Structure formats: C-alpha cells, structure tokens
C-alpha atoms as a PDB file:
ATOM      1  CA  MET A   1      25.868  26.847 -16.836  1.00  0.00           C
ATOM      2  CA  LYS A   2      25.622  23.391 -17.176  1.00  0.00           C
ATOM      3  CA  ARG A   3      25.515  21.043 -19.659  1.00  0.00           C
ATOM      4  CA  VAL A   4      23.906  17.509 -19.349  1.00  0.00           C
ATOM      5  CA  ALA A   5      23.222  15.059 -21.698  1.00  0.00           C
ATOM      6  CA  ILE A   6      20.257  13.233 -22.109  1.00  0.00           C
ATOM      7  CA  LEU A   7      20.569   8.850 -22.954  1.00  0.00           C
ATOM      8  CA  GLY A   8      17.424   7.481 -24.154  1.00  0.00           C
ATOM      9  CA  ALA A   9      16.064  10.602 -25.365  1.00  0.00           C
ATOM     10  CA  SER A  10      13.498   9.419 -27.741  1.00  0.00           C
ATOM     11  CA  GLY A  11      10.724   8.141 -24.610  1.00  0.00           C
ATOM     12  CA  TYR A  12       7.908   9.954 -23.604  1.00  0.00           C
ATOM     13  CA  THR A  13       9.395  11.300 -20.112  1.00  0.00           C
ATOM     14  CA  ALA A  14      12.779  11.944 -22.275  1.00  0.00           C
ATOM     15  CA  LEU A  15      10.478  14.454 -23.906  1.00  0.00           C
ATOM     16  CA  GLU A  16       8.916  16.242 -21.606  1.00  0.00           C
ATOM     17  CA  LEU A  17      12.568  16.692 -19.429  1.00  0.00           C
ATOM     18  CA  ILE A  18      13.850  18.602 -22.755  1.00  0.00           C
ATOM     19  CA  LYS A  19      10.804  21.412 -23.170  1.00  0.00           C
ATOM     20  CA  LEU A  20      11.359  21.790 -19.434  1.00  0.00           C
ATOM     21  CA  LEU A  21      15.372  21.786 -19.911  1.00  0.00           C
ATOM     22  CA  LEU A  22      15.049  24.004 -22.559  1.00  0.00           C
ATOM     23  CA  ARG A  23      13.223  26.884 -20.466  1.00  0.00           C
ATOM     24  CA  HIS A  24      15.756  25.740 -17.631  1.00  0.00           C
ATOM     25  CA  PRO A  25      18.395  29.427 -17.544  1.00  0.00           C
ATOM     26  CA  GLU A  26      21.225  27.302 -16.411  1.00  0.00           C
ATOM     27  CA  VAL A  27      21.376  23.919 -18.736  1.00  0.00           C
ATOM     28  CA  GLU A  28      22.605  23.436 -22.203  1.00  0.00           C
ATOM     29  CA  ILE A  29      21.397  20.124 -23.556  1.00  0.00           C
ATOM     30  CA  SER A  30      24.893  18.854 -25.167  1.00  0.00           C
ATOM     31  CA  VAL A  31      24.359  15.251 -25.773  1.00  0.00           C
ATOM     32  CA  ALA A  32      21.034  13.127 -26.668  1.00  0.00           C
ATOM     33  CA  THR A  33      22.228   9.220 -27.302  1.00  0.00           C
ATOM     34  CA  SER A  34      19.550   7.220 -28.362  1.00  0.00           C
ATOM     35  CA  ARG A  35      20.308   3.306 -29.995  1.00  0.00           C
ATOM     36  CA  GLN A  36      17.824   2.777 -32.358  1.00  0.00           C
ATOM     37  CA  GLN A  37      17.985   6.006 -33.762  1.00  0.00           C
ATOM     38  CA  GLU A  38      21.536   7.330 -34.080  1.00  0.00           C
ATOM     39  CA  GLY A  39      22.466  10.069 -36.694  1.00  0.00           C
ATOM     40  CA  VAL A  40      18.771  10.814 -36.493  1.00  0.00           C
ATOM     41  CA  PRO A  41      18.073  14.330 -35.669  1.00  0.00           C
ATOM     42  CA  LEU A  42      16.293  15.143 -31.671  1.00  0.00           C
ATOM     43  CA  SER A  43      13.859  17.193 -33.597  1.00  0.00           C
ATOM     44  CA  ALA A  44      13.060  14.132 -35.866  1.00  0.00           C
ATOM     45  CA  VAL A  45      12.487  11.526 -33.121  1.00  0.00           C
ATOM     46  CA  HIS A  46      10.264  14.418 -31.325  1.00  0.00           C
ATOM     47  CA  PRO A  47       8.302  16.952 -34.480  1.00  0.00           C
ATOM     48  CA  SER A  48       7.091  19.406 -32.179  1.00  0.00           C
ATOM     49  CA  LEU A  49      10.894  20.316 -30.918  1.00  0.00           C
ATOM     50  CA  THR A  50      11.268  21.831 -34.771  1.00  0.00           C
ATOM     51  CA  GLU A  51      13.210  24.681 -35.081  1.00  0.00           C
ATOM     52  CA  ARG A  52      13.753  24.341 -31.086  1.00  0.00           C
ATOM     53  CA  VAL A  53      16.773  21.770 -30.763  1.00  0.00           C
ATOM     54  CA  ASP A  54      19.533  21.257 -33.408  1.00  0.00           C
ATOM     55  CA  LEU A  55      20.618  18.231 -31.675  1.00  0.00           C
ATOM     56  CA  GLY A  56      21.935  14.808 -33.841  1.00  0.00           C
ATOM     57  CA  ILE A  57      21.119  11.832 -32.193  1.00  0.00           C
ATOM     58  CA  GLN A  58      24.735  10.082 -31.180  1.00  0.00           C
ATOM     59  CA  HIS A  59      26.357   7.263 -29.558  1.00  0.00           C
ATOM     60  CA  LEU A  60      28.991   7.980 -27.542  1.00  0.00           C
ATOM     61  CA  THR A  61      30.782   6.349 -25.013  1.00  0.00           C
ATOM     62  CA  PRO A  62      31.045   7.248 -21.784  1.00  0.00           C
ATOM     63  CA  LYS A  63      34.088   8.908 -21.760  1.00  0.00           C
ATOM     64  CA  GLN A  64      33.283  11.176 -24.412  1.00  0.00           C
ATOM     65  CA  ILE A  65      30.291  12.002 -22.802  1.00  0.00           C
ATOM     66  CA  ALA A  66      31.627  13.465 -20.651  1.00  0.00           C
ATOM     67  CA  GLU A  67      34.079  15.119 -22.234  1.00  0.00           C
ATOM     68  CA  ARG A  68      30.693  16.972 -23.055  1.00  0.00           C
ATOM     69  CA  VAL A  69      28.479  17.899 -20.104  1.00  0.00           C
ATOM     70  CA  ASP A  70      28.793  17.420 -16.438  1.00  0.00           C
ATOM     71  CA  CYS A  71      25.514  15.412 -14.974  1.00  0.00           C
ATOM     72  CA  VAL A  72      23.358  13.008 -17.534  1.00  0.00           C
ATOM     73  CA  PHE A  73      19.634  12.437 -16.649  1.00  0.00           C
ATOM     74  CA  SER A  74      19.406   8.310 -17.680  1.00  0.00           C
ATOM     75  CA  CYS A  75      15.657   7.486 -19.690  1.00  0.00           C
ATOM     76  CA  LEU A  76      17.067   4.262 -20.596  1.00  0.00           C
ATOM     77  CA  PRO A  77      14.792   1.814 -19.542  1.00  0.00           C
ATOM     78  CA  HIS A  78      15.249  -0.902 -17.096  1.00  0.00           C
ATOM     79  CA  GLY A  79      18.324  -2.812 -16.732  1.00  0.00           C
ATOM     80  CA  LEU A  80      20.345  -0.736 -18.739  1.00  0.00           C
ATOM     81  CA  THR A  81      21.870   2.368 -16.261  1.00  0.00           C
ATOM     82  CA  ALA A  82      23.261   0.466 -13.884  1.00  0.00           C
ATOM     83  CA  SER A  83      25.165  -1.577 -16.670  1.00  0.00           C
ATOM     84  CA  VAL A  84      26.903   1.899 -17.833  1.00  0.00           C
ATOM     85  CA  ALA A  85      26.473   3.965 -14.245  1.00  0.00           C
ATOM     86  CA  GLY A  86      29.297   2.477 -14.093  1.00  0.00           C
ATOM     87  CA  PRO A  87      32.169   4.365 -16.424  1.00  0.00           C
ATOM     88  CA  LEU A  88      29.586   7.165 -15.838  1.00  0.00           C
ATOM     89  CA  LEU A  89      30.619   8.012 -12.617  1.00  0.00           C
ATOM     90  CA  GLU A  90      33.680   6.765 -12.039  1.00  0.00           C
ATOM     91  CA  THR A  91      34.897  10.200 -14.489  1.00  0.00           C
ATOM     92  CA  GLY A  92      32.903  12.756 -11.989  1.00  0.00           C
ATOM     93  CA  LEU A  93      29.911  13.260 -13.534  1.00  0.00           C
ATOM     94  CA  ARG A  94      26.458  13.203 -11.223  1.00  0.00           C
ATOM     95  CA  LEU A  95      23.993  10.608 -12.344  1.00  0.00           C
ATOM     96  CA  ILE A  96      19.820  11.158 -12.712  1.00  0.00           C
ATOM     97  CA  ASP A  97      18.263   7.816 -13.441  1.00  0.00           C
ATOM     98  CA  PHE A  98      15.049   6.960 -14.622  1.00  0.00           C
ATOM     99  CA  SER A  99      14.860   3.428 -14.253  1.00  0.00           C
ATOM    100  CA  ALA A 100      13.963   1.681 -11.861  1.00  0.00           C
ATOM    101  CA  ASP A 101      17.377   0.327 -11.891  1.00  0.00           C
ATOM    102  CA  TYR A 102      18.487   2.179  -8.185  1.00  0.00           C
ATOM    103  CA  ARG A 103      15.234   2.625  -6.283  1.00  0.00           C
ATOM    104  CA  LEU A 104      15.855   0.000  -4.555  1.00  0.00           C
ATOM    105  CA  ASP A 105      18.722  -0.891  -1.674  1.00  0.00           C
ATOM    106  CA  ASP A 106      19.029  -5.031  -2.034  1.00  0.00           C
ATOM    107  CA  PRO A 107      19.658  -6.743  -4.660  1.00  0.00           C
ATOM    108  CA  ASP A 108      17.870  -9.481  -3.838  1.00  0.00           C
ATOM    109  CA  THR A 109      14.885  -7.716  -3.253  1.00  0.00           C
ATOM    110  CA  TYR A 110      15.342  -6.449  -7.092  1.00  0.00           C
ATOM    111  CA  ALA A 111      16.164  -9.858  -8.696  1.00  0.00           C
ATOM    112  CA  GLU A 112      12.064 -11.199  -7.054  1.00  0.00           C
ATOM    113  CA  TRP A 113      10.520  -8.364  -8.677  1.00  0.00           C
ATOM    114  CA  TYR A 114      12.270  -6.915 -11.638  1.00  0.00           C
ATOM    115  CA  GLY A 115      13.895 -11.188 -12.731  1.00  0.00           C
ATOM    116  CA  GLN A 116      17.618 -10.440 -12.992  1.00  0.00           C
ATOM    117  CA  GLN A 117      19.973 -10.267 -10.776  1.00  0.00           C
ATOM    118  CA  HIS A 118      20.938  -6.057 -10.232  1.00  0.00           C
ATOM    119  CA  PRO A 119      23.963  -5.784 -12.726  1.00  0.00           C
ATOM    120  CA  ASP A 120      26.058  -2.527 -10.603  1.00  0.00           C
ATOM    121  CA  PRO A 121      24.741  -4.409  -6.415  1.00  0.00           C
ATOM    122  CA  GLN A 122      27.533  -2.617  -4.515  1.00  0.00           C
ATOM    123  CA  ARG A 123      26.199   0.514  -5.167  1.00  0.00           C
ATOM    124  CA  LEU A 124      22.613   0.590  -4.465  1.00  0.00           C
ATOM    125  CA  PRO A 125      23.456   2.196  -0.557  1.00  0.00           C
ATOM    126  CA  SER A 126      24.778   5.038  -2.055  1.00  0.00           C
ATOM    127  CA  VAL A 127      21.740   5.858  -4.343  1.00  0.00           C
ATOM    128  CA  VAL A 128      19.389   8.648  -3.221  1.00  0.00           C
ATOM    129  CA  TYR A 129      16.125   8.458  -3.507  1.00  0.00           C
ATOM    130  CA  GLY A 130      14.900  11.592  -5.647  1.00  0.00           C
ATOM    131  CA  LEU A 131      11.806  12.106  -4.074  1.00  0.00           C
ATOM    132  CA  PRO A 132      12.757  15.842  -2.493  1.00  0.00           C
ATOM    133  CA  GLU A 133       9.813  16.267   0.110  1.00  0.00           C
ATOM    134  CA  LEU A 134      11.689  13.104   1.978  1.00  0.00           C
ATOM    135  CA  PHE A 135      15.015  13.824   0.948  1.00  0.00           C
ATOM    136  CA  ARG A 136      15.734  17.152  -0.676  1.00  0.00           C
ATOM    137  CA  ASP A 137      19.092  17.257   2.203  1.00  0.00           C
ATOM    138  CA  ASN A 138      20.845  13.950   0.266  1.00  0.00           C
ATOM    139  CA  ILE A 139      19.685  14.946  -2.346  1.00  0.00           C
ATOM    140  CA  ARG A 140      21.876  18.166  -2.907  1.00  0.00           C
ATOM    141  CA  THR A 141      25.122  15.838  -1.810  1.00  0.00           C
ATOM    142  CA  ALA A 142      24.510  12.782  -3.806  1.00  0.00           C
ATOM    143  CA  GLN A 143      26.278  11.729  -6.812  1.00  0.00           C
ATOM    144  CA  ILE A 144      23.898   9.639  -7.838  1.00  0.00           C
ATOM    145  CA  VAL A 145      19.549  10.416  -7.642  1.00  0.00           C
ATOM    146  CA  ALA A 146      17.112   7.541  -8.383  1.00  0.00           C
ATOM    147  CA  ASN A 147      13.673   9.367  -9.771  1.00  0.00           C
ATOM    148  CA  PRO A 148      11.201   7.603  -8.460  1.00  0.00           C
ATOM    149  CA  GLY A 149       7.997   5.314  -9.985  1.00  0.00           C
ATOM    150  CA  CYS A 150       5.424   8.000 -11.236  1.00  0.00           C
ATOM    151  CA  TYR A 151       2.721   5.323  -9.108  1.00  0.00           C
ATOM    152  CA  PRO A 152       4.913   5.757  -5.572  1.00  0.00           C
ATOM    153  CA  THR A 153       5.336   9.603  -5.955  1.00  0.00           C
ATOM    154  CA  SER A 154       1.351   9.786  -6.367  1.00  0.00           C
ATOM    155  CA  ALA A 155       1.206   7.368  -3.556  1.00  0.00           C
ATOM    156  CA  ILE A 156       3.923   8.013  -1.626  1.00  0.00           C
ATOM    157  CA  LEU A 157       3.040  11.717  -1.112  1.00  0.00           C
ATOM    158  CA  GLY A 158      -0.768  11.079   0.001  1.00  0.00           C
ATOM    159  CA  LEU A 159       0.769   8.838   2.479  1.00  0.00           C
ATOM    160  CA  ALA A 160       4.177  10.261   4.105  1.00  0.00           C
ATOM    161  CA  PRO A 161       2.699  12.603   7.072  1.00  0.00           C
ATOM    162  CA  LEU A 162      -0.252   9.604   7.982  1.00  0.00           C
ATOM    163  CA  VAL A 163       2.428   6.901   8.469  1.00  0.00           C
ATOM    164  CA  ASP A 164       5.117   9.626   9.816  1.00  0.00           C
ATOM    165  CA  SER A 165       2.916  11.224  12.521  1.00  0.00           C
ATOM    166  CA  GLY A 166       2.465   7.262  13.350  1.00  0.00           C
ATOM    167  CA  VAL A 167      -1.928   8.257  13.114  1.00  0.00           C
ATOM    168  CA  ILE A 168      -2.324   5.248  10.833  1.00  0.00           C
ATOM    169  CA  ASP A 169      -1.731   1.146  10.708  1.00  0.00           C
ATOM    170  CA  VAL A 170       1.155   1.181   9.246  1.00  0.00           C
ATOM    171  CA  GLU A 171       0.681  -2.599   7.778  1.00  0.00           C
ATOM    172  CA  GLU A 172      -1.834  -2.549   5.850  1.00  0.00           C
ATOM    173  CA  ILE A 173      -2.468   0.201   3.489  1.00  0.00           C
ATOM    174  CA  ILE A 174      -4.442  -0.105   0.328  1.00  0.00           C
ATOM    175  CA  ILE A 175      -3.566   1.864  -2.397  1.00  0.00           C
ATOM    176  CA  ASP A 176      -5.266   2.671  -5.756  1.00  0.00           C
ATOM    177  CA  SER A 177      -4.083   4.445  -8.520  1.00  0.00           C
ATOM    178  CA  LYS A 178      -5.174   4.997 -12.290  1.00  0.00           C
ATOM    179  CA  SER A 179      -3.155   5.940 -14.618  1.00  0.00           C
ATOM    180  CA  GLY A 180      -2.478   7.860 -18.181  1.00  0.00           C
ATOM    181  CA  ILE A 181      -1.540   5.764 -21.442  1.00  0.00           C
ATOM    182  CA  SER A 182       1.626   7.319 -21.227  1.00  0.00           C
ATOM    183  CA  GLY A 183       3.031   5.659 -18.082  1.00  0.00           C
ATOM    184  CA  ALA A 184       3.288   2.731 -20.240  1.00  0.00           C
ATOM    185  CA  GLY A 185       6.183   3.759 -22.502  1.00  0.00           C
ATOM    186  CA  ARG A 186       6.384   4.471 -26.194  1.00  0.00           C
ATOM    187  CA  SER A 187       7.370   1.498 -27.317  1.00  0.00           C
ATOM    188  CA  PRO A 188       4.375  -0.489 -29.211  1.00  0.00           C
ATOM    189  CA  LYS A 189       2.714  -2.818 -27.168  1.00  0.00           C
ATOM    190  CA  LEU A 190      -0.914  -4.839 -27.089  1.00  0.00           C
ATOM    191  CA  THR A 191      -3.021  -3.399 -24.472  1.00  0.00           C
ATOM    192  CA  THR A 192      -1.592   0.644 -25.015  1.00  0.00           C
ATOM    193  CA  HIS A 193      -3.305   0.056 -28.394  1.00  0.00           C
ATOM    194  CA  TYR A 194      -5.599   2.512 -29.126  1.00  0.00           C
ATOM    195  CA  PRO A 195      -8.794  -0.318 -30.074  1.00  0.00           C
ATOM    196  CA  GLU A 196      -7.262  -2.411 -26.619  1.00  0.00           C
ATOM    197  CA  CYS A 197      -7.823   0.586 -24.311  1.00  0.00           C
ATOM    198  CA  ASN A 198     -10.509   3.385 -25.822  1.00  0.00           C
ATOM    199  CA  GLU A 199     -13.091   3.529 -23.526  1.00  0.00           C
ATOM    200  CA  SER A 200     -11.680   1.039 -21.443  1.00  0.00           C
ATOM    201  CA  LEU A 201     -10.989   0.752 -17.550  1.00  0.00           C
ATOM    202  CA  SER A 202      -8.913  -2.107 -16.505  1.00  0.00           C
ATOM    203  CA  ALA A 203      -6.340  -3.205 -13.862  1.00  0.00           C
ATOM    204  CA  TYR A 204      -3.379  -5.153 -14.327  1.00  0.00           C
ATOM    205  CA  ASN A 205      -1.124  -6.533 -12.165  1.00  0.00           C
ATOM    206  CA  ILE A 206      -2.698  -7.263  -8.812  1.00  0.00           C
ATOM    207  CA  GLY A 207      -0.357  -8.082  -6.629  1.00  0.00           C
ATOM    208  CA  ARG A 208       2.595  -8.109  -8.152  1.00  0.00           C
ATOM    209  CA  HIS A 209       3.935  -4.504  -9.592  1.00  0.00           C
ATOM    210  CA  ARG A 210       7.110  -3.746  -9.428  1.00  0.00           C
ATOM    211  CA  HIS A 211       6.474   0.133  -7.784  1.00  0.00           C
ATOM    212  CA  THR A 212       5.024  -2.387  -4.229  1.00  0.00           C
ATOM    213  CA  PRO A 213       8.257  -3.077  -2.692  1.00  0.00           C
ATOM    214  CA  GLU A 214       9.564   0.677  -3.852  1.00  0.00           C
ATOM    215  CA  ILE A 215       6.546   2.022  -1.748  1.00  0.00           C
ATOM    216  CA  GLU A 216       7.202   0.356   0.720  1.00  0.00           C
ATOM    217  CA  LEU A 217      10.373   0.560   1.237  1.00  0.00           C
ATOM    218  CA  VAL A 218      10.161   3.708   0.771  1.00  0.00           C
ATOM    219  CA  LEU A 219       7.626   4.585   3.836  1.00  0.00           C
ATOM    220  CA  SER A 220       9.469   2.268   5.863  1.00  0.00           C
ATOM    221  CA  LYS A 221      11.849   4.675   6.182  1.00  0.00           C
ATOM    222  CA  LYS A 222       9.762   7.703   7.726  1.00  0.00           C
ATOM    223  CA  SER A 223       8.233   4.748  10.247  1.00  0.00           C
ATOM    224  CA  ASP A 224       9.828   2.808  13.402  1.00  0.00           C
ATOM    225  CA  GLN A 225       8.273  -0.258  11.813  1.00  0.00           C
ATOM    226  CA  PRO A 226       7.924  -2.461   8.117  1.00  0.00           C
ATOM    227  CA  VAL A 227       4.820  -1.112   6.526  1.00  0.00           C
ATOM    228  CA  GLY A 228       3.024  -2.996   4.204  1.00  0.00           C
ATOM    229  CA  VAL A 229       0.436  -2.443   1.068  1.00  0.00           C
ATOM    230  CA  ILE A 230      -2.346  -3.290  -1.648  1.00  0.00           C
ATOM    231  CA  PHE A 231      -0.886  -1.688  -4.883  1.00  0.00           C
ATOM    232  CA  THR A 232      -3.504  -2.052  -7.897  1.00  0.00           C
ATOM    233  CA  PRO A 233      -2.951  -0.161 -10.498  1.00  0.00           C
ATOM    234  CA  HIS A 234      -5.420   0.334 -13.945  1.00  0.00           C
ATOM    235  CA  LEU A 235      -5.090   1.959 -16.816  1.00  0.00           C
ATOM    236  CA  ILE A 236      -7.518   4.562 -18.022  1.00  0.00           C
ATOM    237  CA  PRO A 237      -8.289   5.995 -21.801  1.00  0.00           C
ATOM    238  CA  MET A 238      -6.197   9.202 -21.387  1.00  0.00           C
ATOM    239  CA  ASP A 239      -2.972  11.065 -22.609  1.00  0.00           C
ATOM    240  CA  ARG A 240      -1.261  11.954 -19.163  1.00  0.00           C
ATOM    241  CA  GLY A 241      -2.315  11.877 -15.508  1.00  0.00           C
ATOM    242  CA  ILE A 242      -2.484  10.140 -12.454  1.00  0.00           C
ATOM    243  CA  LEU A 243      -4.680   9.782  -9.684  1.00  0.00           C
ATOM    244  CA  THR A 244      -4.405   7.902  -6.214  1.00  0.00           C
ATOM    245  CA  THR A 245      -7.199   6.855  -3.753  1.00  0.00           C
ATOM    246  CA  THR A 246      -5.226   5.234  -0.413  1.00  0.00           C
ATOM    247  CA  TYR A 247      -7.204   3.906   2.602  1.00  0.00           C
ATOM    248  CA  SER A 248      -5.386   3.501   5.820  1.00  0.00           C
ATOM    249  CA  ARG A 249      -6.445   2.745   9.266  1.00  0.00           C
ATOM    250  CA  ARG A 250      -7.079   4.773  11.751  1.00  0.00           C
ATOM    251  CA  LEU A 251      -5.017   4.871  15.314  1.00  0.00           C
ATOM    252  CA  SER A 252      -5.681   7.755  16.426  1.00  0.00           C
ATOM    253  CA  SER A 253      -8.503  10.245  17.328  1.00  0.00           C
ATOM    254  CA  MET A 254      -8.099  12.882  15.084  1.00  0.00           C
ATOM    255  CA  GLY A 255     -10.248  14.502  12.913  1.00  0.00           C
ATOM    256  CA  GLU A 256     -10.385  15.818   9.083  1.00  0.00           C
ATOM    257  CA  ALA A 257      -9.180  19.676  10.391  1.00  0.00           C
ATOM    258  CA  ASP A 258      -6.303  18.279  12.495  1.00  0.00           C
ATOM    259  CA  LEU A 259      -5.459  16.103   9.770  1.00  0.00           C
ATOM    260  CA  PHE A 260      -4.956  19.097   6.949  1.00  0.00           C
ATOM    261  CA  ASP A 261      -2.883  21.272   9.801  1.00  0.00           C
ATOM    262  CA  LEU A 262      -1.091  18.107  10.098  1.00  0.00           C
ATOM    263  CA  TYR A 263      -0.232  17.541   6.294  1.00  0.00           C
ATOM    264  CA  ARG A 264      -0.386  21.799   5.598  1.00  0.00           C
ATOM    265  CA  THR A 265       2.467  22.074   7.796  1.00  0.00           C
ATOM    266  CA  PHE A 266       4.538  19.085   6.474  1.00  0.00           C
ATOM    267  CA  TYR A 267       4.453  19.820   3.091  1.00  0.00           C
ATOM    268  CA  GLU A 268       4.914  24.058   3.675  1.00  0.00           C
ATOM    269  CA  PRO A 269       8.291  23.607   3.588  1.00  0.00           C
ATOM    270  CA  HIS A 270       8.439  21.962  -0.389  1.00  0.00           C
ATOM    271  CA  PRO A 271       6.672  24.142  -4.021  1.00  0.00           C
ATOM    272  CA  PHE A 272       5.428  21.442  -5.448  1.00  0.00           C
ATOM    273  CA  VAL A 273       2.939  19.594  -3.145  1.00  0.00           C
ATOM    274  CA  ARG A 274      -0.378  21.578  -2.688  1.00  0.00           C
ATOM    275  CA  VAL A 275      -2.504  20.254   0.267  1.00  0.00           C
ATOM    276  CA  VAL A 276      -6.153  21.218  -0.997  1.00  0.00           C
ATOM    277  CA  LYS A 277     -10.317  21.012   0.494  1.00  0.00           C
ATOM    278  CA  HIS A 278     -11.746  19.528  -2.294  1.00  0.00           C
ATOM    279  CA  LEU A 279     -11.266  16.444  -4.525  1.00  0.00           C
ATOM    280  CA  PRO A 280      -8.378  16.931  -7.344  1.00  0.00           C
ATOM    281  CA  ALA A 281      -8.915  16.416 -10.624  1.00  0.00           C
ATOM    282  CA  THR A 282      -6.036  14.474 -12.898  1.00  0.00           C
ATOM    283  CA  LYS A 283      -6.118  18.060 -15.054  1.00  0.00           C
ATOM    284  CA  ASP A 284      -5.879  20.193 -12.613  1.00  0.00           C
ATOM    285  CA  ALA A 285      -1.731  19.045 -12.318  1.00  0.00           C
ATOM    286  CA  ALA A 286      -1.684  17.791 -16.077  1.00  0.00           C
ATOM    287  CA  ASN A 287       1.051  20.113 -17.516  1.00  0.00           C
ATOM    288  CA  THR A 288       2.677  20.611 -14.077  1.00  0.00           C
ATOM    289  CA  ASN A 289       5.523  20.071 -11.578  1.00  0.00           C
ATOM    290  CA  PHE A 290       2.371  19.729  -8.722  1.00  0.00           C
ATOM    291  CA  CYS A 291       0.858  17.387  -7.352  1.00  0.00           C
ATOM    292  CA  ASP A 292      -2.375  17.848  -5.680  1.00  0.00           C
ATOM    293  CA  ILE A 293      -3.612  16.471  -2.516  1.00  0.00           C
ATOM    294  CA  THR A 294      -6.412  16.221  -0.133  1.00  0.00           C
ATOM    295  CA  LEU A 295      -7.719  13.353   2.713  1.00  0.00           C
ATOM    296  CA  ARG A 296     -11.344  12.462   4.100  1.00  0.00           C
ATOM    297  CA  VAL A 297     -12.298  10.488   7.055  1.00  0.00           C
ATOM    298  CA  VAL A 298     -15.014   8.044   6.655  1.00  0.00           C
ATOM    299  CA  LYS A 299     -15.701   5.112   8.642  1.00  0.00           C
ATOM    300  CA  GLY A 300     -12.542   4.940  10.905  1.00  0.00           C
ATOM    301  CA  HIS A 301      -9.927   5.039   7.717  1.00  0.00           C
ATOM    302  CA  ILE A 302      -8.441   7.431   6.549  1.00  0.00           C
ATOM    303  CA  LEU A 303      -8.501   8.377   2.981  1.00  0.00           C
ATOM    304  CA  THR A 304      -6.335  10.196   0.626  1.00  0.00           C
ATOM    305  CA  ILE A 305      -6.929  12.028  -2.963  1.00  0.00           C
ATOM    306  CA  SER A 306      -3.806  12.698  -4.797  1.00  0.00           C
ATOM    307  CA  CYS A 307      -3.394  13.715  -8.658  1.00  0.00           C
ATOM    308  CA  LEU A 308      -0.200  14.609 -10.622  1.00  0.00           C
ATOM    309  CA  ASP A 309       0.917  14.201 -14.221  1.00  0.00           C
ATOM    310  CA  ASN A 310       3.180  11.311 -14.456  1.00  0.00           C
ATOM    311  CA  LEU A 311       5.026  12.900 -17.416  1.00  0.00           C
ATOM    312  CA  ILE A 312       6.102  15.608 -15.099  1.00  0.00           C
ATOM    313  CA  LYS A 313       6.199  16.058 -11.458  1.00  0.00           C
ATOM    314  CA  GLY A 314       5.652  11.877 -11.757  1.00  0.00           C
ATOM    315  CA  ALA A 315       9.246  11.868 -13.658  1.00  0.00           C
ATOM    316  CA  ALA A 316      10.862  14.551 -16.223  1.00  0.00           C
ATOM    317  CA  GLY A 317       9.756  17.618 -13.244  1.00  0.00           C
ATOM    318  CA  ALA A 318      10.801  15.338  -9.969  1.00  0.00           C
ATOM    319  CA  ALA A 319      14.527  14.716 -11.911  1.00  0.00           C
ATOM    320  CA  VAL A 320      14.793  18.934 -12.441  1.00  0.00           C
ATOM    321  CA  GLN A 321      14.234  19.297  -8.806  1.00  0.00           C
ATOM    322  CA  ASN A 322      16.461  17.033  -8.121  1.00  0.00           C
ATOM    323  CA  PHE A 323      19.549  18.093 -10.610  1.00  0.00           C
ATOM    324  CA  ASN A 324      18.250  22.073  -9.346  1.00  0.00           C
ATOM    325  CA  LEU A 325      19.049  21.052  -5.390  1.00  0.00           C
ATOM    326  CA  MET A 326      22.296  19.061  -6.643  1.00  0.00           C
ATOM    327  CA  HIS A 327      23.136  21.893  -8.637  1.00  0.00           C
ATOM    328  CA  GLY A 328      22.408  24.436  -5.140  1.00  0.00           C
ATOM    329  CA  LEU A 329      19.957  25.562  -7.441  1.00  0.00           C
ATOM    330  CA  PRO A 330      16.803  26.787  -6.700  1.00  0.00           C
ATOM    331  CA  GLU A 331      14.422  24.148  -6.223  1.00  0.00           C
ATOM    332  CA  THR A 332      11.928  25.404  -8.533  1.00  0.00           C
ATOM    333  CA  MET A 333      14.074  26.826 -11.397  1.00  0.00           C
ATOM    334  CA  GLY A 334      12.509  25.321 -14.913  1.00  0.00           C
ATOM    335  CA  LEU A 335       9.646  24.668 -13.383  1.00  0.00           C
END
C-alpha cells in the first residue's frame, strides 16, 4: 500500500484524482493540503466526498509530508510546484506534477511563454514528460514526472504516429481544439462566468497559448526535424471534454486503410487509446481515461480527430497511470 499526498487539493483536477484514488486498491490518501482551505475537512471543500473521505486539509512542511507519504501529487497552480519540489525530492519522495512547471526542458522558453523566471531550472533536463504512450519506460524510473497538459495530450496522441512515421510535413501542422469549461480551473473568472460562456463558443489566446511550445517540444522528439504547429483553442459551453482536430499535409501515398493500420499498430500496446473508424464525440470518452482517435484523408491532407476527458485522461487519469508505472503496478489499476 502506497501512501500519497495531494498538494492543492481544492481544485477540479484534485477532486477527480481523489475519486480515482479512492477506488485504487494500492493507495491510501494520507495528506491533503491547501493554503486557502487549511483546517477544513476535505468533504467540506468537495461535498461529493461526504462520508467517503475522513481527512482534513493541512498546511505541512516538506519534511512533515515526507514522514507521512511515499509519493506526492501536486495540483498546485503554475509556478508553485517548482518552488517546493526541491525540498520534497531531497527527502526521497517521488513527485507527479499537474502544473506546467516541468513540462518544458528549457528555462528561457519557459520564461518566454509564462512570463517569469523558472524557480528550479537545473532540474528541468532530468524531468520525464508523463505521457505513457510515448515515454513509458522513462516514467517507470523517474523521481519527478511532468503530467501533460490536457490540450497537448489530445493533440500529441492524435499526431504522434504521423510524425513518427514521417508521412506528413511537420513544419506547419494546424491544431484546432475545443474544451469544456472545467479546463479553466475552479477559480472564478469573467470569461468562465455562466452568463458569459453559456450558449457561446469562443476562441482565445490565438498564436500565444502556453501549450504551443509543449506540443512542439514533445512531437519534435518523435521527428528528425523540429515540429511547428499553429494551435487555436476554443472554449465550449460544457463541463468537461476536449475535441481536437489536426490538419497536416500528406507526404506519402498512404491511403486511409494503411493509415488506420499504422495507428492501430502504434497504439496496440497502449490500453487507453482507442483507434476508431467512426467520428468520435466528447461524450464517448467522458468520465473515462480513454482517448478516442480517428482520421480521414481529404485533398492531400490528413485530418485526425481525438476526444478525451480533460479532467481524467487530460489530468488525473494520466497521473494515476504514471503513478502505477512508477511503482511497478499494472498500468490500468484504479482506472
């Protein structure tokens, strides 16, 4: 039995993580922290946990956390995990970080896109990107894993077989993504206020969304040349889910049947990717850890469509996958 801590336990992704871990046969949730909710029962912050979790929210030092747990899930906002990771890791703990603090391997790129200097730059090269479908073996031995962003997971899984096989032009890939409102987090914002977003669809951060360098970095690791993407996210008035459509120029003569074979072969070892012939919808993957992917060839271009639950496969579910790999457990346990 592994004892775990959840830092920043008041948010949506933390709630999804807690619900997954409660049914995990090899996990005991021993610590939950939140600076804003210190001293409050976890079930008061998340009423759906009433009579399911008997745990109060605390504010503990890294040493106190290390005395109580074997692994830490950090659901802290961007910029905070990197400021506390060092003391936690020095105690021998293993860490799975939900924020963007360790997803990029270059501190200058981080500063450019996040508008601040990285608090822990020397650790960046040793962090493993937590996408099991691409980096499973590295995750097994990692002390710190950077959980992927939800948009990048949908885009990278949709594109990885094409980039890896060299059948598309990787210099200008177009990615169009639509996400439910929970992807913006639990903190109130004007753009996610009900009267602002209900019955409305809007694009945002065109050409400057922070997930752009993350997608390019990870896909470039599967290519013999740098990958360039044009990424446009949209906010759609539903609670959860992501649908991502990608457009790439085809360089080979492979038809749809051959491309489907390519995808099935690429993802055959991976239990949470479903390659489907139909056009998937967000409801197909909602409340699961699956990513559903299909493709079409249109006028010399390859289009992929991928769907996932942004709170599970795009966050908490991926973290549990990583936890299982890091601790020698079956990858699907608890999922």
